[in-house]
C-alpha atoms as a PDB file:
ATOM      1  CA  UNK A   1      47.561 -98.750 -44.518  1.00  0.00           C
ATOM      2  CA  UNK A   2      50.259 -96.741 -42.766  1.00  0.00           C
ATOM      3  CA  UNK A   3      50.641 -92.980 -42.713  1.00  0.00           C
ATOM      4  CA  UNK A   4      53.309 -91.224 -44.734  1.00  0.00           C
ATOM      5  CA  UNK A   5      54.795 -87.757 -44.450  1.00  0.00           C
ATOM      6  CA  UNK A   6      52.434 -86.548 -47.208  1.00  0.00           C
ATOM      7  CA  UNK A   7      49.274 -88.588 -46.671  1.00  0.00           C
ATOM      8  CA  UNK A   8      47.308 -90.298 -43.903  1.00  0.00           C
ATOM      9  CA  UNK A   9      46.941 -94.051 -44.365  1.00  0.00           C
ATOM     10  CA  UNK A  10      43.730 -96.040 -44.635  1.00  0.00           C
ATOM     11  CA  UNK A  11      43.616 -96.947 -40.932  1.00  0.00           C
ATOM     12  CA  UNK A  12      43.986 -93.322 -39.817  1.00  0.00           C
ATOM     13  CA  UNK A  13      41.377 -92.141 -42.326  1.00  0.00           C
ATOM     14  CA  UNK A  14      38.834 -94.820 -41.352  1.00  0.00           C
ATOM     15  CA  UNK A  15      39.342 -94.087 -37.646  1.00  0.00           C
ATOM     16  CA  UNK A  16      39.024 -90.327 -38.252  1.00  0.00           C
ATOM     17  CA  UNK A  17      35.806 -90.504 -40.286  1.00  0.00           C
ATOM     18  CA  UNK A  18      34.180 -93.217 -38.154  1.00  0.00           C
ATOM     19  CA  UNK A  19      34.858 -91.155 -35.042  1.00  0.00           C
ATOM     20  CA  UNK A  20      33.616 -88.002 -36.789  1.00  0.00           C
ATOM     21  CA  UNK A  21      30.311 -89.649 -37.756  1.00  0.00           C
ATOM     22  CA  UNK A  22      29.764 -91.008 -34.256  1.00  0.00           C
ATOM     23  CA  UNK A  23      30.556 -87.644 -32.682  1.00  0.00           C
ATOM     24  CA  UNK A  24      28.252 -85.787 -35.058  1.00  0.00           C
ATOM     25  CA  UNK A  25      25.433 -88.159 -34.103  1.00  0.00           C
ATOM     26  CA  UNK A  26      26.218 -87.498 -30.434  1.00  0.00           C
ATOM     27  CA  UNK A  27      26.050 -83.746 -31.065  1.00  0.00           C
ATOM     28  CA  UNK A  28      22.364 -84.157 -31.948  1.00  0.00           C
ATOM     29  CA  UNK A  29      21.832 -84.472 -28.190  1.00  0.00           C
ATOM     30  CA  UNK A  30      22.349 -80.688 -28.068  1.00  0.00           C
ATOM     31  CA  UNK A  31      18.684 -80.511 -29.137  1.00  0.00           C
ATOM     32  CA  UNK A  32      17.837 -81.092 -25.470  1.00  0.00           C
ATOM     33  CA  UNK A  33      20.039 -78.231 -24.318  1.00  0.00           C
ATOM     34  CA  UNK A  34      18.890 -75.764 -26.939  1.00  0.00           C
ATOM     35  CA  UNK A  35      15.216 -76.562 -26.329  1.00  0.00           C
ATOM     36  CA  UNK A  36      15.803 -76.180 -22.561  1.00  0.00           C
ATOM     37  CA  UNK A  37      14.627 -79.664 -21.711  1.00  0.00           C
ATOM     38  CA  UNK A  38      13.794 -82.929 -23.372  1.00  0.00           C
ATOM     39  CA  UNK A  39      13.464 -82.688 -27.110  1.00  0.00           C
ATOM     40  CA  UNK A  40      12.321 -85.380 -29.555  1.00  0.00           C
ATOM     41  CA  UNK A  41      15.862 -85.687 -30.894  1.00  0.00           C
ATOM     42  CA  UNK A  42      17.245 -86.304 -27.435  1.00  0.00           C
ATOM     43  CA  UNK A  43      14.448 -88.720 -26.570  1.00  0.00           C
ATOM     44  CA  UNK A  44      15.180 -90.644 -29.752  1.00  0.00           C
ATOM     45  CA  UNK A  45      18.911 -90.701 -29.069  1.00  0.00           C
ATOM     46  CA  UNK A  46      18.880 -91.412 -25.331  1.00  0.00           C
ATOM     47  CA  UNK A  47      18.849 -95.201 -25.796  1.00  0.00           C
ATOM     48  CA  UNK A  48      21.947 -95.031 -28.026  1.00  0.00           C
ATOM     49  CA  UNK A  49      23.799 -92.038 -26.550  1.00  0.00           C
ATOM     50  CA  UNK A  50      25.681 -94.031 -23.918  1.00  0.00           C
ATOM     51  CA  UNK A  51      26.425 -96.975 -26.210  1.00  0.00           C
ATOM     52  CA  UNK A  52      27.766 -94.715 -28.945  1.00  0.00           C
ATOM     53  CA  UNK A  53      29.722 -92.701 -26.378  1.00  0.00           C
ATOM     54  CA  UNK A  54      31.477 -95.869 -25.198  1.00  0.00           C
ATOM     55  CA  UNK A  55      32.165 -96.800 -28.816  1.00  0.00           C
ATOM     56  CA  UNK A  56      33.719 -93.350 -29.321  1.00  0.00           C
ATOM     57  CA  UNK A  57      35.886 -93.943 -26.244  1.00  0.00           C
ATOM     58  CA  UNK A  58      37.113 -97.286 -27.614  1.00  0.00           C
ATOM     59  CA  UNK A  59      37.848 -95.764 -31.037  1.00  0.00           C
ATOM     60  CA  UNK A  60      39.685 -92.816 -29.507  1.00  0.00           C
ATOM     61  CA  UNK A  61      41.863 -95.059 -27.344  1.00  0.00           C
ATOM     62  CA  UNK A  62      42.703 -97.083 -30.460  1.00  0.00           C
ATOM     63  CA  UNK A  63      43.329 -93.832 -32.395  1.00  0.00           C
ATOM     64  CA  UNK A  64      45.745 -92.590 -29.741  1.00  0.00           C
ATOM     65  CA  UNK A  65      47.685 -95.863 -29.771  1.00  0.00           C
ATOM     66  CA  UNK A  66      47.708 -95.858 -33.589  1.00  0.00           C
ATOM     67  CA  UNK A  67      48.800 -92.202 -33.750  1.00  0.00           C
ATOM     68  CA  UNK A  68      51.679 -92.851 -31.350  1.00  0.00           C
ATOM     69  CA  UNK A  69      52.827 -95.794 -33.475  1.00  0.00           C
ATOM     70  CA  UNK A  70      52.555 -93.681 -36.661  1.00  0.00           C
ATOM     71  CA  UNK A  71      54.003 -90.488 -35.168  1.00  0.00           C
ATOM     72  CA  UNK A  72      57.293 -90.493 -37.080  1.00  0.00           C
ATOM     73  CA  UNK A  73      55.540 -91.180 -40.404  1.00  0.00           C
ATOM     74  CA  UNK A  74      52.693 -88.646 -40.144  1.00  0.00           C
ATOM     75  CA  UNK A  75      52.505 -85.337 -41.996  1.00  0.00           C
ATOM     76  CA  UNK A  76      54.367 -82.731 -39.956  1.00  0.00           C
ATOM     77  CA  UNK A  77      52.951 -79.294 -39.211  1.00  0.00           C
ATOM     78  CA  UNK A  78      55.508 -76.552 -39.689  1.00  0.00           C
ATOM     79  CA  UNK A  79      55.543 -72.807 -39.647  1.00  0.00           C
ATOM     80  CA  UNK A  80      54.043 -70.202 -37.346  1.00  0.00           C
ATOM     81  CA  UNK A  81      50.774 -72.094 -36.790  1.00  0.00           C
ATOM     82  CA  UNK A  82      52.355 -75.462 -35.921  1.00  0.00           C
ATOM     83  CA  UNK A  83      51.897 -74.944 -32.177  1.00  0.00           C
ATOM     84  CA  UNK A  84      48.263 -73.914 -32.694  1.00  0.00           C
ATOM     85  CA  UNK A  85      47.598 -76.995 -34.847  1.00  0.00           C
ATOM     86  CA  UNK A  86      49.211 -79.363 -32.334  1.00  0.00           C
ATOM     87  CA  UNK A  87      47.431 -77.687 -29.428  1.00  0.00           C
ATOM     88  CA  UNK A  88      44.087 -77.834 -31.233  1.00  0.00           C
ATOM     89  CA  UNK A  89      44.496 -81.514 -32.036  1.00  0.00           C
ATOM     90  CA  UNK A  90      45.583 -82.186 -28.449  1.00  0.00           C
ATOM     91  CA  UNK A  91      42.449 -80.475 -27.123  1.00  0.00           C
ATOM     92  CA  UNK A  92      40.277 -82.432 -29.571  1.00  0.00           C
ATOM     93  CA  UNK A  93      41.762 -85.733 -28.379  1.00  0.00           C
ATOM     94  CA  UNK A  94      41.474 -84.679 -24.725  1.00  0.00           C
ATOM     95  CA  UNK A  95      37.818 -83.761 -25.261  1.00  0.00           C
ATOM     96  CA  UNK A  96      37.129 -87.060 -27.042  1.00  0.00           C
ATOM     97  CA  UNK A  97      38.506 -88.876 -23.993  1.00  0.00           C
ATOM     98  CA  UNK A  98      36.900 -86.668 -21.345  1.00  0.00           C
ATOM     99  CA  UNK A  99      33.409 -86.677 -22.857  1.00  0.00           C
ATOM    100  CA  UNK A 100      32.718 -90.403 -22.407  1.00  0.00           C
ATOM    101  CA  UNK A 101      34.648 -90.573 -19.121  1.00  0.00           C
ATOM    102  CA  UNK A 102      32.635 -87.743 -17.560  1.00  0.00           C
ATOM    103  CA  UNK A 103      29.466 -89.311 -18.980  1.00  0.00           C
ATOM    104  CA  UNK A 104      30.308 -92.584 -17.246  1.00  0.00           C
ATOM    105  CA  UNK A 105      31.010 -90.742 -13.995  1.00  0.00           C
ATOM    106  CA  UNK A 106      27.692 -88.907 -14.277  1.00  0.00           C
ATOM    107  CA  UNK A 107      25.712 -92.112 -14.792  1.00  0.00           C
ATOM    108  CA  UNK A 108      27.480 -94.155 -12.117  1.00  0.00           C
ATOM    109  CA  UNK A 109      27.657 -91.188  -9.731  1.00  0.00           C
ATOM    110  CA  UNK A 110      23.882 -90.825  -9.908  1.00  0.00           C
ATOM    111  CA  UNK A 111      23.482 -94.511  -9.103  1.00  0.00           C
ATOM    112  CA  UNK A 112      22.092 -95.334 -12.566  1.00  0.00           C
ATOM    113  CA  UNK A 113      24.772 -97.858 -13.367  1.00  0.00           C
ATOM    114  CA  UNK A 114      26.090 -98.187 -16.887  1.00  0.00           C
ATOM    115  CA  UNK A 115      24.635-100.163 -19.743  1.00  0.00           C
ATOM    116  CA  UNK A 116      25.689-100.269 -23.388  1.00  0.00           C
ATOM    117  CA  UNK A 117      24.354-102.183 -26.369  1.00  0.00           C
ATOM    118  CA  UNK A 118      21.878-103.991 -24.093  1.00  0.00           C
ATOM    119  CA  UNK A 119      24.543-105.175 -21.633  1.00  0.00           C
ATOM    120  CA  UNK A 120      24.648-103.890 -18.052  1.00  0.00           C
ATOM    121  CA  UNK A 121      28.349-103.097 -17.496  1.00  0.00           C
ATOM    122  CA  UNK A 122      27.987-101.525 -14.046  1.00  0.00           C
ATOM    123  CA  UNK A 123      24.982-102.424 -11.909  1.00  0.00           C
ATOM    124  CA  UNK A 124      22.581 -99.775 -10.645  1.00  0.00           C
ATOM    125  CA  UNK A 125      23.215 -98.864  -7.040  1.00  0.00           C
ATOM    126  CA  UNK A 126      20.610 -96.177  -6.516  1.00  0.00           C
ATOM    127  CA  UNK A 127      23.121 -94.344  -4.325  1.00  0.00           C
ATOM    128  CA  UNK A 128      24.774 -91.099  -5.338  1.00  0.00           C
ATOM    129  CA  UNK A 129      28.552 -90.722  -5.173  1.00  0.00           C
ATOM    130  CA  UNK A 130      29.566 -87.093  -4.670  1.00  0.00           C
ATOM    131  CA  UNK A 131      32.987 -87.044  -6.290  1.00  0.00           C
ATOM    132  CA  UNK A 132      31.694 -88.905  -9.375  1.00  0.00           C
ATOM    133  CA  UNK A 133      28.789 -86.477  -9.668  1.00  0.00           C
ATOM    134  CA  UNK A 134      31.138 -83.496  -9.334  1.00  0.00           C
ATOM    135  CA  UNK A 135      33.376 -84.745 -12.153  1.00  0.00           C
ATOM    136  CA  UNK A 136      30.411 -86.014 -14.171  1.00  0.00           C
ATOM    137  CA  UNK A 137      28.828 -82.562 -14.040  1.00  0.00           C
ATOM    138  CA  UNK A 138      31.639 -81.409 -16.357  1.00  0.00           C
ATOM    139  CA  UNK A 139      30.153 -83.502 -19.183  1.00  0.00           C
ATOM    140  CA  UNK A 140      27.907 -80.741 -20.521  1.00  0.00           C
ATOM    141  CA  UNK A 141      30.417 -77.832 -20.315  1.00  0.00           C
ATOM    142  CA  UNK A 142      33.062 -80.001 -21.988  1.00  0.00           C
ATOM    143  CA  UNK A 143      30.518 -80.866 -24.699  1.00  0.00           C
ATOM    144  CA  UNK A 144      30.040 -77.166 -25.499  1.00  0.00           C
ATOM    145  CA  UNK A 145      33.808 -76.625 -25.593  1.00  0.00           C
ATOM    146  CA  UNK A 146      34.159 -79.705 -27.771  1.00  0.00           C
ATOM    147  CA  UNK A 147      31.521 -78.355 -30.174  1.00  0.00           C
ATOM    148  CA  UNK A 148      33.561 -75.151 -30.530  1.00  0.00           C
ATOM    149  CA  UNK A 149      36.757 -77.164 -31.116  1.00  0.00           C
ATOM    150  CA  UNK A 150      35.122 -79.385 -33.745  1.00  0.00           C
ATOM    151  CA  UNK A 151      33.650 -76.340 -35.501  1.00  0.00           C
ATOM    152  CA  UNK A 152      37.109 -74.729 -35.529  1.00  0.00           C
ATOM    153  CA  UNK A 153      38.651 -77.970 -36.821  1.00  0.00           C
ATOM    154  CA  UNK A 154      36.164 -78.137 -39.698  1.00  0.00           C
ATOM    155  CA  UNK A 155      36.571 -74.420 -40.452  1.00  0.00           C
ATOM    156  CA  UNK A 156      40.367 -74.767 -40.536  1.00  0.00           C
ATOM    157  CA  UNK A 157      40.163 -77.750 -42.910  1.00  0.00           C
ATOM    158  CA  UNK A 158      37.819 -75.856 -45.237  1.00  0.00           C
ATOM    159  CA  UNK A 159      40.007 -72.734 -45.032  1.00  0.00           C
ATOM    160  CA  UNK A 160      43.026 -74.772 -46.094  1.00  0.00           C
ATOM    161  CA  UNK A 161      41.093 -76.402 -48.915  1.00  0.00           C
ATOM    162  CA  UNK A 162      39.338 -73.351 -50.392  1.00  0.00           C
ATOM    163  CA  UNK A 163      41.537 -70.387 -49.423  1.00  0.00           C
ATOM    164  CA  UNK A 164      45.073 -71.700 -48.983  1.00  0.00           C
ATOM    165  CA  UNK A 165      44.419 -74.412 -51.596  1.00  0.00           C
ATOM    166  CA  UNK A 166      46.841 -76.897 -50.087  1.00  0.00           C
ATOM    167  CA  UNK A 167      46.524 -80.651 -49.503  1.00  0.00           C
ATOM    168  CA  UNK A 168      45.492 -80.495 -45.830  1.00  0.00           C
ATOM    169  CA  UNK A 169      41.935 -81.753 -46.409  1.00  0.00           C
ATOM    170  CA  UNK A 170      42.917 -84.152 -49.188  1.00  0.00           C
ATOM    171  CA  UNK A 171      45.409 -85.909 -46.868  1.00  0.00           C
ATOM    172  CA  UNK A 172      42.519 -87.049 -44.674  1.00  0.00           C
ATOM    173  CA  UNK A 173      39.870 -87.406 -47.386  1.00  0.00           C
ATOM    174  CA  UNK A 174      41.682 -90.171 -49.181  1.00  0.00           C
END
Protein backbone atom coordinates (compact mmCIF):
# COMPACT_ATOMS: atom_id res chain seq x y z
CA UNK A 1 0.00 0.00 0.00
CA UNK A 2 2.72 2.46 0.98
CA UNK A 3 5.39 3.92 -1.26
CA UNK A 4 8.99 2.78 -1.06
CA UNK A 5 12.20 4.38 -2.27
CA UNK A 6 12.07 2.20 -5.41
CA UNK A 7 8.36 1.84 -6.13
CA UNK A 8 5.08 3.71 -5.68
CA UNK A 9 2.54 1.87 -3.54
CA UNK A 10 -0.95 0.78 -4.53
CA UNK A 11 -2.66 3.87 -3.09
CA UNK A 12 -0.38 6.27 -4.99
CA UNK A 13 -0.77 4.30 -8.22
CA UNK A 14 -4.58 4.13 -7.97
CA UNK A 15 -4.79 7.85 -7.20
CA UNK A 16 -2.43 8.68 -10.09
CA UNK A 17 -4.27 6.63 -12.73
CA UNK A 18 -7.77 7.54 -11.53
CA UNK A 19 -6.84 11.22 -11.67
CA UNK A 20 -5.20 10.73 -15.08
CA UNK A 21 -8.34 9.12 -16.53
CA UNK A 22 -10.59 11.84 -15.15
CA UNK A 23 -8.31 14.58 -16.46
CA UNK A 24 -8.09 12.99 -19.90
CA UNK A 25 -11.89 12.91 -20.06
CA UNK A 26 -11.94 16.58 -19.05
CA UNK A 27 -9.47 17.39 -21.83
CA UNK A 28 -12.11 16.30 -24.36
CA UNK A 29 -13.75 19.65 -23.60
CA UNK A 30 -10.99 21.19 -25.74
CA UNK A 31 -13.18 20.15 -28.69
CA UNK A 32 -15.20 23.31 -28.00
CA UNK A 33 -12.11 25.51 -28.09
CA UNK A 34 -10.61 23.96 -31.19
CA UNK A 35 -13.91 24.12 -33.08
CA UNK A 36 -14.31 27.77 -32.00
CA UNK A 37 -17.62 27.23 -30.29
CA UNK A 38 -19.85 24.44 -29.09
CA UNK A 39 -18.87 21.06 -30.40
CA UNK A 40 -20.73 17.75 -30.00
CA UNK A 41 -18.02 16.51 -27.64
CA UNK A 42 -18.41 19.53 -25.41
CA UNK A 43 -22.20 19.34 -25.54
CA UNK A 44 -22.02 15.70 -24.52
CA UNK A 45 -19.59 16.43 -21.69
CA UNK A 46 -21.12 19.63 -20.32
CA UNK A 47 -23.45 17.79 -17.92
CA UNK A 48 -20.50 15.88 -16.41
CA UNK A 49 -17.68 18.42 -16.75
CA UNK A 50 -18.36 20.18 -13.46
CA UNK A 51 -19.08 16.98 -11.52
CA UNK A 52 -15.90 15.33 -12.77
CA UNK A 53 -13.93 18.52 -12.12
CA UNK A 54 -15.05 18.49 -8.47
CA UNK A 55 -14.14 14.81 -8.25
CA UNK A 56 -10.67 15.67 -9.60
CA UNK A 57 -10.38 18.37 -6.93
CA UNK A 58 -11.27 15.90 -4.17
CA UNK A 59 -8.80 13.31 -5.51
CA UNK A 60 -6.03 15.89 -5.82
CA UNK A 61 -6.53 17.13 -2.26
CA UNK A 62 -6.35 13.51 -1.08
CA UNK A 63 -3.27 12.94 -3.29
CA UNK A 64 -1.50 15.94 -1.78
CA UNK A 65 -2.22 14.76 1.77
CA UNK A 66 -1.12 11.22 0.84
CA UNK A 67 2.05 12.47 -0.88
CA UNK A 68 3.01 14.54 2.16
CA UNK A 69 2.54 11.51 4.42
CA UNK A 70 4.60 9.33 2.03
CA UNK A 71 7.26 11.95 1.28
CA UNK A 72 10.14 10.28 3.12
CA UNK A 73 9.39 6.89 1.54
CA UNK A 74 8.92 7.98 -2.09
CA UNK A 75 11.43 7.49 -4.90
CA UNK A 76 13.86 10.41 -4.83
CA UNK A 77 14.85 12.34 -7.95
CA UNK A 78 18.57 12.99 -8.11
CA UNK A 79 20.99 14.43 -10.58
CA UNK A 80 20.94 17.48 -12.81
CA UNK A 81 17.24 17.19 -13.70
CA UNK A 82 15.96 16.79 -10.12
CA UNK A 83 14.91 20.45 -9.87
CA UNK A 84 13.13 20.24 -13.24
CA UNK A 85 11.28 17.07 -12.17
CA UNK A 86 10.20 18.57 -8.84
CA UNK A 87 9.19 21.83 -10.50
CA UNK A 88 7.22 20.00 -13.18
CA UNK A 89 5.37 17.90 -10.63
CA UNK A 90 4.71 21.01 -8.54
CA UNK A 91 3.20 22.78 -11.56
CA UNK A 92 1.08 19.71 -12.37
CA UNK A 93 -0.32 19.63 -8.83
CA UNK A 94 -0.87 23.41 -8.84
CA UNK A 95 -2.74 23.14 -12.15
CA UNK A 96 -4.85 20.23 -10.86
CA UNK A 97 -5.89 22.43 -7.93
CA UNK A 98 -6.36 25.66 -9.89
CA UNK A 99 -8.43 24.14 -12.70
CA UNK A 100 -11.44 23.15 -10.58
CA UNK A 101 -11.11 26.20 -8.31
CA UNK A 102 -11.16 28.63 -11.23
CA UNK A 103 -14.03 26.63 -12.75
CA UNK A 104 -16.02 27.05 -9.55
CA UNK A 105 -15.25 30.77 -9.49
CA UNK A 106 -16.36 31.09 -13.11
CA UNK A 107 -19.68 29.36 -12.48
CA UNK A 108 -20.49 31.13 -9.22
CA UNK A 109 -19.13 34.46 -10.50
CA UNK A 110 -21.53 34.31 -13.43
CA UNK A 111 -24.42 33.67 -11.05
CA UNK A 112 -24.96 30.11 -12.32
CA UNK A 113 -24.45 28.51 -8.95
CA UNK A 114 -22.73 25.16 -8.66
CA UNK A 115 -24.23 21.73 -9.06
CA UNK A 116 -22.51 18.35 -9.14
CA UNK A 117 -23.86 14.83 -9.53
CA UNK A 118 -27.42 16.19 -9.50
CA UNK A 119 -26.98 18.11 -6.23
CA UNK A 120 -27.09 21.92 -6.14
CA UNK A 121 -24.10 22.84 -3.94
CA UNK A 122 -24.32 26.62 -4.40
CA UNK A 123 -27.64 28.17 -5.38
CA UNK A 124 -28.01 30.25 -8.53
CA UNK A 125 -27.99 33.96 -7.81
CA UNK A 126 -28.26 35.36 -11.31
CA UNK A 127 -25.91 38.15 -10.24
CA UNK A 128 -22.36 38.47 -11.50
CA UNK A 129 -19.48 38.89 -9.07
CA UNK A 130 -16.57 40.74 -10.66
CA UNK A 131 -13.64 39.36 -8.69
CA UNK A 132 -14.89 35.77 -9.11
CA UNK A 133 -15.31 36.31 -12.84
CA UNK A 134 -11.82 37.80 -13.11
CA UNK A 135 -10.23 34.79 -11.39
CA UNK A 136 -12.59 32.35 -13.12
CA UNK A 137 -11.54 33.71 -16.51
CA UNK A 138 -8.14 32.08 -15.88
CA UNK A 139 -9.75 28.63 -16.21
CA UNK A 140 -9.19 28.35 -19.96
CA UNK A 141 -5.59 29.70 -20.10
CA UNK A 142 -4.63 27.42 -17.20
CA UNK A 143 -6.23 24.51 -19.07
CA UNK A 144 -3.97 25.13 -22.08
CA UNK A 145 -0.91 25.36 -19.82
CA UNK A 146 -2.03 22.20 -18.05
CA UNK A 147 -2.36 20.39 -21.39
CA UNK A 148 1.25 21.32 -22.19
CA UNK A 149 2.40 20.13 -18.75
CA UNK A 150 0.55 16.81 -19.05
CA UNK A 151 1.95 16.27 -22.55
CA UNK A 152 5.46 16.95 -21.21
CA UNK A 153 4.84 14.60 -18.27
CA UNK A 154 3.77 11.79 -20.61
CA UNK A 155 6.66 12.48 -23.00
CA UNK A 156 9.17 12.40 -20.13
CA UNK A 157 7.77 9.08 -18.85
CA UNK A 158 7.98 7.55 -22.34
CA UNK A 159 11.49 8.97 -22.84
CA UNK A 160 12.63 7.32 -19.62
CA UNK A 161 11.00 4.04 -20.57
CA UNK A 162 12.13 3.75 -24.21
CA UNK A 163 15.32 5.82 -24.42
CA UNK A 164 16.87 5.85 -20.95
CA UNK A 165 15.40 2.40 -20.23
CA UNK A 166 15.10 2.95 -16.50
CA UNK A 167 12.30 2.08 -14.07
CA UNK A 168 10.63 5.51 -13.99
CA UNK A 169 7.45 4.40 -15.79
CA UNK A 170 7.39 0.96 -14.17
CA UNK A 171 7.38 2.53 -10.68
CA UNK A 172 3.97 4.05 -11.41
CA UNK A 173 2.62 1.32 -13.69
CA UNK A 174 2.64 -1.32 -11.01
